[in-house]
Amino acid sequence: MPMQYTRLTQPLVRVDGVLQPATWGEALARAADGFRAVVERQGPQAFGLFSCSKATNEVNYLAQKFARQVIGSNNVDSCNRT
């Protein structure tokens, strides 16, 4: 019998090793804190971003702008070779 998957309806964050429901604000703040910690500890070149080649040009443009202007990293790939 195949496994049944359910769609996530809210963000989850890890607390003491266990995923717990969170608000969008909390989840986004944790993600931003993680990005900031990596950049502070290891520099902006430690950050890399993969964007989907099936996304629109506008989404890929925003992703590369975020990586380059906000983070300060040129490590961006949209996998357009496939």
PDB file of N, CA and C in Angstrom:
ATOM      1  N   MET A   1       0.843  -1.178   0.000  1.00  0.00           N
ATOM      2  CA  MET A   1       0.000   0.000   0.000  1.00  0.00           C
ATOM      3  C   MET A   1       0.894   1.249   0.000  1.00  0.00           C
ATOM      4  N   PRO A   2       0.660   2.208  -0.915  1.00  0.00           N
ATOM      5  CA  PRO A   2       1.509   3.404  -0.982  1.00  0.00           C
ATOM      6  C   PRO A   2       1.310   4.306   0.242  1.00  0.00           C
ATOM      7  N   MET A   3       2.380   5.043   0.569  1.00  0.00           N
ATOM      8  CA  MET A   3       2.301   5.977   1.689  1.00  0.00           C
ATOM      9  C   MET A   3       1.420   7.154   1.305  1.00  0.00           C
ATOM     10  N   GLN A   4       0.677   7.652   2.260  1.00  0.00           N
ATOM     11  CA  GLN A   4      -0.145   8.835   2.066  1.00  0.00           C
ATOM     12  C   GLN A   4       0.584  10.038   2.642  1.00  0.00           C
ATOM     13  N   TYR A   5       0.688  11.090   1.871  1.00  0.00           N
ATOM     14  CA  TYR A   5       1.328  12.304   2.326  1.00  0.00           C
ATOM     15  C   TYR A   5       0.284  13.390   2.480  1.00  0.00           C
ATOM     16  N   THR A   6       0.466  14.209   3.477  1.00  0.00           N
ATOM     17  CA  THR A   6      -0.434  15.342   3.648  1.00  0.00           C
ATOM     18  C   THR A   6       0.341  16.625   3.399  1.00  0.00           C
ATOM     19  N   ARG A   7      -0.331  17.593   2.891  1.00  0.00           N
ATOM     20  CA  ARG A   7       0.279  18.877   2.566  1.00  0.00           C
ATOM     21  C   ARG A   7       0.445  19.709   3.841  1.00  0.00           C
ATOM     22  N   LEU A   8       1.608  20.362   3.952  1.00  0.00           N
ATOM     23  CA  LEU A   8       1.822  21.263   5.080  1.00  0.00           C
ATOM     24  C   LEU A   8       0.939  22.488   4.914  1.00  0.00           C
ATOM     25  N   THR A   9       0.330  22.919   6.002  1.00  0.00           N
ATOM     26  CA  THR A   9      -0.536  24.096   5.941  1.00  0.00           C
ATOM     27  C   THR A   9       0.018  25.261   6.744  1.00  0.00           C
ATOM     28  N   GLN A  10       1.106  25.037   7.456  1.00  0.00           N
ATOM     29  CA  GLN A  10       1.756  26.098   8.205  1.00  0.00           C
ATOM     30  C   GLN A  10       3.227  25.751   8.355  1.00  0.00           C
ATOM     31  N   PRO A  11       4.060  26.764   8.632  1.00  0.00           N
ATOM     32  CA  PRO A  11       5.489  26.476   8.769  1.00  0.00           C
ATOM     33  C   PRO A  11       5.781  25.672  10.031  1.00  0.00           C
ATOM     34  N   LEU A  12       6.884  24.929   9.969  1.00  0.00           N
ATOM     35  CA  LEU A  12       7.353  24.167  11.118  1.00  0.00           C
ATOM     36  C   LEU A  12       8.773  24.601  11.432  1.00  0.00           C
ATOM     37  N   VAL A  13       9.109  24.685  12.716  1.00  0.00           N
ATOM     38  CA  VAL A  13      10.470  24.991  13.145  1.00  0.00           C
ATOM     39  C   VAL A  13      10.907  23.901  14.114  1.00  0.00           C
ATOM     40  N   ARG A  14      12.213  23.668  14.145  1.00  0.00           N
ATOM     41  CA  ARG A  14      12.756  22.623  15.006  1.00  0.00           C
ATOM     42  C   ARG A  14      13.054  23.212  16.386  1.00  0.00           C
ATOM     43  N   VAL A  15      12.458  22.617  17.422  1.00  0.00           N
ATOM     44  CA  VAL A  15      12.681  23.009  18.809  1.00  0.00           C
ATOM     45  C   VAL A  15      13.135  21.765  19.557  1.00  0.00           C
ATOM     46  N   ASP A  16      14.372  21.796  20.055  1.00  0.00           N
ATOM     47  CA  ASP A  16      14.938  20.637  20.756  1.00  0.00           C
ATOM     48  C   ASP A  16      14.840  19.364  19.923  1.00  0.00           C
ATOM     49  N   GLY A  17      15.073  19.493  18.623  1.00  0.00           N
ATOM     50  CA  GLY A  17      15.093  18.335  17.738  1.00  0.00           C
ATOM     51  C   GLY A  17      13.733  17.884  17.231  1.00  0.00           C
ATOM     52  N   VAL A  18      12.668  18.581  17.612  1.00  0.00           N
ATOM     53  CA  VAL A  18      11.314  18.184  17.218  1.00  0.00           C
ATOM     54  C   VAL A  18      10.677  19.321  16.420  1.00  0.00           C
ATOM     55  N   LEU A  19      10.035  18.974  15.307  1.00  0.00           N
ATOM     56  CA  LEU A  19       9.352  19.995  14.511  1.00  0.00           C
ATOM     57  C   LEU A  19       8.071  20.432  15.213  1.00  0.00           C
ATOM     58  N   GLN A  20       7.929  21.751  15.344  1.00  0.00           N
ATOM     59  CA  GLN A  20       6.770  22.344  16.006  1.00  0.00           C
ATOM     60  C   GLN A  20       6.119  23.361  15.075  1.00  0.00           C
ATOM     61  N   PRO A  21       4.791  23.507  15.114  1.00  0.00           N
ATOM     62  CA  PRO A  21       4.142  24.547  14.317  1.00  0.00           C
ATOM     63  C   PRO A  21       4.629  25.929  14.744  1.00  0.00           C
ATOM     64  N   ALA A  22       4.719  26.844  13.771  1.00  0.00           N
ATOM     65  CA  ALA A  22       5.182  28.200  14.043  1.00  0.00           C
ATOM     66  C   ALA A  22       4.410  29.175  13.168  1.00  0.00           C
ATOM     67  N   THR A  23       4.531  30.445  13.507  1.00  0.00           N
ATOM     68  CA  THR A  23       3.943  31.473  12.652  1.00  0.00           C
ATOM     69  C   THR A  23       4.885  31.719  11.485  1.00  0.00           C
ATOM     70  N   TRP A  24       4.369  32.351  10.438  1.00  0.00           N
ATOM     71  CA  TRP A  24       5.227  32.687   9.306  1.00  0.00           C
ATOM     72  C   TRP A  24       6.314  33.654   9.730  1.00  0.00           C
ATOM     73  N   GLY A  25       5.966  34.595  10.607  1.00  0.00           N
ATOM     74  CA  GLY A  25       6.961  35.548  11.080  1.00  0.00           C
ATOM     75  C   GLY A  25       8.114  34.871  11.797  1.00  0.00           C
ATOM     76  N   GLU A  26       7.795  33.909  12.662  1.00  0.00           N
ATOM     77  CA  GLU A  26       8.837  33.179  13.388  1.00  0.00           C
ATOM     78  C   GLU A  26       9.698  32.354  12.437  1.00  0.00           C
ATOM     79  N   ALA A  27       9.069  31.674  11.491  1.00  0.00           N
ATOM     80  CA  ALA A  27       9.819  30.837  10.550  1.00  0.00           C
ATOM     81  C   ALA A  27      10.746  31.677   9.676  1.00  0.00           C
ATOM     82  N   LEU A  28      10.248  32.804   9.171  1.00  0.00           N
ATOM     83  CA  LEU A  28      11.082  33.668   8.339  1.00  0.00           C
ATOM     84  C   LEU A  28      12.209  34.303   9.148  1.00  0.00           C
ATOM     85  N   ALA A  29      11.926  34.674  10.401  1.00  0.00           N
ATOM     86  CA  ALA A  29      12.968  35.243  11.261  1.00  0.00           C
ATOM     87  C   ALA A  29      14.064  34.220  11.525  1.00  0.00           C
ATOM     88  N   ARG A  30      13.698  32.966  11.731  1.00  0.00           N
ATOM     89  CA  ARG A  30      14.704  31.922  11.947  1.00  0.00           C
ATOM     90  C   ARG A  30      15.555  31.699  10.703  1.00  0.00           C
ATOM     91  N   ALA A  31      14.917  31.721   9.533  1.00  0.00           N
ATOM     92  CA  ALA A  31      15.673  31.560   8.294  1.00  0.00           C
ATOM     93  C   ALA A  31      16.647  32.726   8.116  1.00  0.00           C
ATOM     94  N   ALA A  32      16.173  33.938   8.343  1.00  0.00           N
ATOM     95  CA  ALA A  32      17.039  35.118   8.219  1.00  0.00           C
ATOM     96  C   ALA A  32      18.179  35.054   9.225  1.00  0.00           C
ATOM     97  N   ASP A  33      17.897  34.636  10.453  1.00  0.00           N
ATOM     98  CA  ASP A  33      18.948  34.497  11.468  1.00  0.00           C
ATOM     99  C   ASP A  33      19.992  33.477  11.039  1.00  0.00           C
ATOM    100  N   GLY A  34      19.544  32.388  10.412  1.00  0.00           N
ATOM    101  CA  GLY A  34      20.480  31.374   9.932  1.00  0.00           C
ATOM    102  C   GLY A  34      21.379  31.911   8.830  1.00  0.00           C
ATOM    103  N   PHE A  35      20.789  32.635   7.865  1.00  0.00           N
ATOM    104  CA  PHE A  35      21.593  33.257   6.802  1.00  0.00           C
ATOM    105  C   PHE A  35      22.607  34.217   7.407  1.00  0.00           C
ATOM    106  N   ARG A  36      22.128  35.062   8.327  1.00  0.00           N
ATOM    107  CA  ARG A  36      22.992  36.072   8.948  1.00  0.00           C
ATOM    108  C   ARG A  36      24.145  35.422   9.707  1.00  0.00           C
ATOM    109  N   ALA A  37      23.861  34.361  10.429  1.00  0.00           N
ATOM    110  CA  ALA A  37      24.893  33.679  11.221  1.00  0.00           C
ATOM    111  C   ALA A  37      25.984  33.105  10.321  1.00  0.00           C
ATOM    112  N   VAL A  38      25.590  32.499   9.206  1.00  0.00           N
ATOM    113  CA  VAL A  38      26.575  31.931   8.280  1.00  0.00           C
ATOM    114  C   VAL A  38      27.448  33.031   7.693  1.00  0.00           C
ATOM    115  N   VAL A  39      26.834  34.115   7.262  1.00  0.00           N
ATOM    116  CA  VAL A  39      27.589  35.213   6.653  1.00  0.00           C
ATOM    117  C   VAL A  39      28.530  35.854   7.673  1.00  0.00           C
ATOM    118  N   GLU A  40      28.073  36.040   8.913  1.00  0.00           N
ATOM    119  CA  GLU A  40      28.929  36.629   9.950  1.00  0.00           C
ATOM    120  C   GLU A  40      30.089  35.712  10.308  1.00  0.00           C
ATOM    121  N   ARG A  41      29.833  34.421  10.359  1.00  0.00           N
ATOM    122  CA  ARG A  41      30.848  33.460  10.785  1.00  0.00           C
ATOM    123  C   ARG A  41      31.844  33.126   9.676  1.00  0.00           C
ATOM    124  N   GLN A  42      31.355  32.975   8.432  1.00  0.00           N
ATOM    125  CA  GLN A  42      32.203  32.459   7.363  1.00  0.00           C
ATOM    126  C   GLN A  42      32.300  33.367   6.147  1.00  0.00           C
ATOM    127  N   GLY A  43      31.610  34.497   6.165  1.00  0.00           N
ATOM    128  CA  GLY A  43      31.654  35.419   5.041  1.00  0.00           C
ATOM    129  C   GLY A  43      30.577  35.128   4.012  1.00  0.00           C
ATOM    130  N   PRO A  44      30.290  36.099   3.148  1.00  0.00           N
ATOM    131  CA  PRO A  44      29.195  35.941   2.182  1.00  0.00           C
ATOM    132  C   PRO A  44      29.424  34.851   1.145  1.00  0.00           C
ATOM    133  N   GLN A  45      30.687  34.504   0.865  1.00  0.00           N
ATOM    134  CA  GLN A  45      30.933  33.466  -0.131  1.00  0.00           C
ATOM    135  C   GLN A  45      30.585  32.064   0.379  1.00  0.00           C
ATOM    136  N   ALA A  46      30.270  31.937   1.668  1.00  0.00           N
ATOM    137  CA  ALA A  46      29.812  30.658   2.212  1.00  0.00           C
ATOM    138  C   ALA A  46      28.354  30.409   1.865  1.00  0.00           C
ATOM    139  N   PHE A  47      27.678  31.423   1.358  1.00  0.00           N
ATOM    140  CA  PHE A  47      26.254  31.327   1.006  1.00  0.00           C
ATOM    141  C   PHE A  47      26.116  31.016  -0.476  1.00  0.00           C
ATOM    142  N   GLY A  48      25.240  30.102  -0.807  1.00  0.00           N
ATOM    143  CA  GLY A  48      24.936  29.795  -2.194  1.00  0.00           C
ATOM    144  C   GLY A  48      23.440  29.660  -2.374  1.00  0.00           C
ATOM    145  N   LEU A  49      22.960  29.954  -3.557  1.00  0.00           N
ATOM    146  CA  LEU A  49      21.533  29.911  -3.805  1.00  0.00           C
ATOM    147  C   LEU A  49      21.264  29.173  -5.109  1.00  0.00           C
ATOM    148  N   PHE A  50      20.395  28.187  -5.067  1.00  0.00           N
ATOM    149  CA  PHE A  50      19.937  27.486  -6.262  1.00  0.00           C
ATOM    150  C   PHE A  50      18.517  27.934  -6.547  1.00  0.00           C
ATOM    151  N   SER A  51      18.265  28.326  -7.776  1.00  0.00           N
ATOM    152  CA  SER A  51      16.939  28.735  -8.199  1.00  0.00           C
ATOM    153  C   SER A  51      16.480  27.771  -9.283  1.00  0.00           C
ATOM    154  N   CYS A  52      15.205  27.593  -9.401  1.00  0.00           N
ATOM    155  CA  CYS A  52      14.661  26.609 -10.336  1.00  0.00           C
ATOM    156  C   CYS A  52      14.608  27.155 -11.755  1.00  0.00           C
ATOM    157  N   SER A  53      15.061  26.367 -12.712  1.00  0.00           N
ATOM    158  CA  SER A  53      15.022  26.783 -14.107  1.00  0.00           C
ATOM    159  C   SER A  53      13.586  26.856 -14.630  1.00  0.00           C
ATOM    160  N   LYS A  54      12.656  26.232 -13.931  1.00  0.00           N
ATOM    161  CA  LYS A  54      11.254  26.280 -14.351  1.00  0.00           C
ATOM    162  C   LYS A  54      10.517  27.480 -13.774  1.00  0.00           C
ATOM    163  N   ALA A  55      11.186  28.234 -12.903  1.00  0.00           N
ATOM    164  CA  ALA A  55      10.587  29.453 -12.377  1.00  0.00           C
ATOM    165  C   ALA A  55      10.601  30.527 -13.467  1.00  0.00           C
ATOM    166  N   THR A  56       9.842  31.567 -13.246  1.00  0.00           N
ATOM    167  CA  THR A  56       9.818  32.653 -14.231  1.00  0.00           C
ATOM    168  C   THR A  56      11.146  33.412 -14.204  1.00  0.00           C
ATOM    169  N   ASN A  57      11.421  34.138 -15.270  1.00  0.00           N
ATOM    170  CA  ASN A  57      12.615  34.983 -15.313  1.00  0.00           C
ATOM    171  C   ASN A  57      12.613  35.986 -14.170  1.00  0.00           C
ATOM    172  N   GLU A  58      11.436  36.495 -13.844  1.00  0.00           N
ATOM    173  CA  GLU A  58      11.330  37.484 -12.772  1.00  0.00           C
ATOM    174  C   GLU A  58      11.720  36.890 -11.418  1.00  0.00           C
ATOM    175  N   VAL A  59      11.283  35.674 -11.138  1.00  0.00           N
ATOM    176  CA  VAL A  59      11.632  35.017  -9.873  1.00  0.00           C
ATOM    177  C   VAL A  59      13.129  34.737  -9.828  1.00  0.00           C
ATOM    178  N   ASN A  60      13.697  34.242 -10.918  1.00  0.00           N
ATOM    179  CA  ASN A  60      15.143  33.996 -10.960  1.00  0.00           C
ATOM    180  C   ASN A  60      15.929  35.295 -10.822  1.00  0.00           C
ATOM    181  N   TYR A  61      15.440  36.370 -11.411  1.00  0.00           N
ATOM    182  CA  TYR A  61      16.093  37.671 -11.287  1.00  0.00           C
ATOM    183  C   TYR A  61      16.097  38.120  -9.821  1.00  0.00           C
ATOM    184  N   LEU A  62      14.943  38.006  -9.146  1.00  0.00           N
ATOM    185  CA  LEU A  62      14.868  38.392  -7.735  1.00  0.00           C
ATOM    186  C   LEU A  62      15.771  37.525  -6.866  1.00  0.00           C
ATOM    187  N   ALA A  63      15.859  36.242  -7.161  1.00  0.00           N
ATOM    188  CA  ALA A  63      16.723  35.350  -6.386  1.00  0.00           C
ATOM    189  C   ALA A  63      18.181  35.769  -6.509  1.00  0.00           C
ATOM    190  N   GLN A  64      18.641  36.057  -7.728  1.00  0.00           N
ATOM    191  CA  GLN A  64      20.036  36.452  -7.891  1.00  0.00           C
ATOM    192  C   GLN A  64      20.286  37.819  -7.290  1.00  0.00           C
ATOM    193  N   LYS A  65      19.307  38.735  -7.355  1.00  0.00           N
ATOM    194  CA  LYS A  65      19.468  40.046  -6.739  1.00  0.00           C
ATOM    195  C   LYS A  65      19.588  39.915  -5.221  1.00  0.00           C
ATOM    196  N   PHE A  66      18.786  39.039  -4.630  1.00  0.00           N
ATOM    197  CA  PHE A  66      18.864  38.798  -3.189  1.00  0.00           C
ATOM    198  C   PHE A  66      20.251  38.292  -2.806  1.00  0.00           C
ATOM    199  N   ALA A  67      20.727  37.278  -3.514  1.00  0.00           N
ATOM    200  CA  ALA A  67      22.035  36.697  -3.190  1.00  0.00           C
ATOM    201  C   ALA A  67      23.150  37.727  -3.354  1.00  0.00           C
ATOM    202  N   ARG A  68      23.096  38.495  -4.424  1.00  0.00           N
ATOM    203  CA  ARG A  68      24.200  39.421  -4.713  1.00  0.00           C
ATOM    204  C   ARG A  68      24.131  40.705  -3.902  1.00  0.00           C
ATOM    205  N   GLN A  69      22.952  41.301  -3.785  1.00  0.00           N
ATOM    206  CA  GLN A  69      22.829  42.602  -3.131  1.00  0.00           C
ATOM    207  C   GLN A  69      22.636  42.493  -1.620  1.00  0.00           C
ATOM    208  N   VAL A  70      21.825  41.552  -1.165  1.00  0.00           N
ATOM    209  CA  VAL A  70      21.542  41.431   0.267  1.00  0.00           C
ATOM    210  C   VAL A  70      22.630  40.632   0.969  1.00  0.00           C
ATOM    211  N   ILE A  71      22.971  39.469   0.420  1.00  0.00           N
ATOM    212  CA  ILE A  71      23.950  38.599   1.057  1.00  0.00           C
ATOM    213  C   ILE A  71      25.375  38.996   0.675  1.00  0.00           C
ATOM    214  N   GLY A  72      25.590  39.388  -0.565  1.00  0.00           N
ATOM    215  CA  GLY A  72      26.926  39.747  -1.032  1.00  0.00           C
ATOM    216  C   GLY A  72      27.667  38.584  -1.660  1.00  0.00           C
ATOM    217  N   SER A  73      26.926  37.599  -2.156  1.00  0.00           N
ATOM    218  CA  SER A  73      27.531  36.404  -2.744  1.00  0.00           C
ATOM    219  C   SER A  73      27.185  36.303  -4.224  1.00  0.00           C
ATOM    220  N   ASN A  74      28.144  35.878  -5.033  1.00  0.00           N
ATOM    221  CA  ASN A  74      27.880  35.605  -6.439  1.00  0.00           C
ATOM    222  C   ASN A  74      27.572  34.131  -6.684  1.00  0.00           C
ATOM    223  N   ASN A  75      27.441  33.348  -5.628  1.00  0.00           N
ATOM    224  CA  ASN A  75      27.189  31.912  -5.749  1.00  0.00           C
ATOM    225  C   ASN A  75      25.706  31.672  -6.012  1.00  0.00           C
ATOM    226  N   VAL A  76      25.305  31.858  -7.266  1.00  0.00           N
ATOM    227  CA  VAL A  76      23.909  31.710  -7.673  1.00  0.00           C
ATOM    228  C   VAL A  76      23.875  30.802  -8.894  1.00  0.00           C
ATOM    229  N   ASP A  77      22.946  29.863  -8.912  1.00  0.00           N
ATOM    230  CA  ASP A  77      22.772  28.980 -10.061  1.00  0.00           C
ATOM    231  C   ASP A  77      21.291  28.731 -10.249  1.00  0.00           C
ATOM    232  N   SER A  78      20.832  28.835 -11.489  1.00  0.00           N
ATOM    233  CA  SER A  78      19.415  28.565 -11.762  1.00  0.00           C
ATOM    234  C   SER A  78      19.234  27.280 -12.540  1.00  0.00           C
ATOM    235  N   CYS A  79      20.282  26.500 -12.717  1.00  0.00           N
ATOM    236  CA  CYS A  79      20.196  25.184 -13.381  1.00  0.00           C
ATOM    237  C   CYS A  79      19.541  25.264 -14.754  1.00  0.00           C
ATOM    238  N   ASN A  80      19.815  26.312 -15.516  1.00  0.00           N
ATOM    239  CA  ASN A  80      19.213  26.459 -16.831  1.00  0.00           C
ATOM    240  C   ASN A  80      19.807  25.526 -17.870  1.00  0.00           C
ATOM    241  N   ARG A  81      20.755  24.713 -17.504  1.00  0.00           N
ATOM    242  CA  ARG A  81      21.390  23.807 -18.459  1.00  0.00           C
ATOM    243  C   ARG A  81      20.576  22.556 -18.722  1.00  0.00           C
ATOM    244  N   THR A  82      19.561  22.297 -17.929  1.00  0.00           N
ATOM    245  CA  THR A  82      18.804  21.045 -18.107  1.00  0.00           C
ATOM    246  C   THR A  82      17.624  21.219 -19.011  1.00  0.00           C
TER     247      THR A  82
END
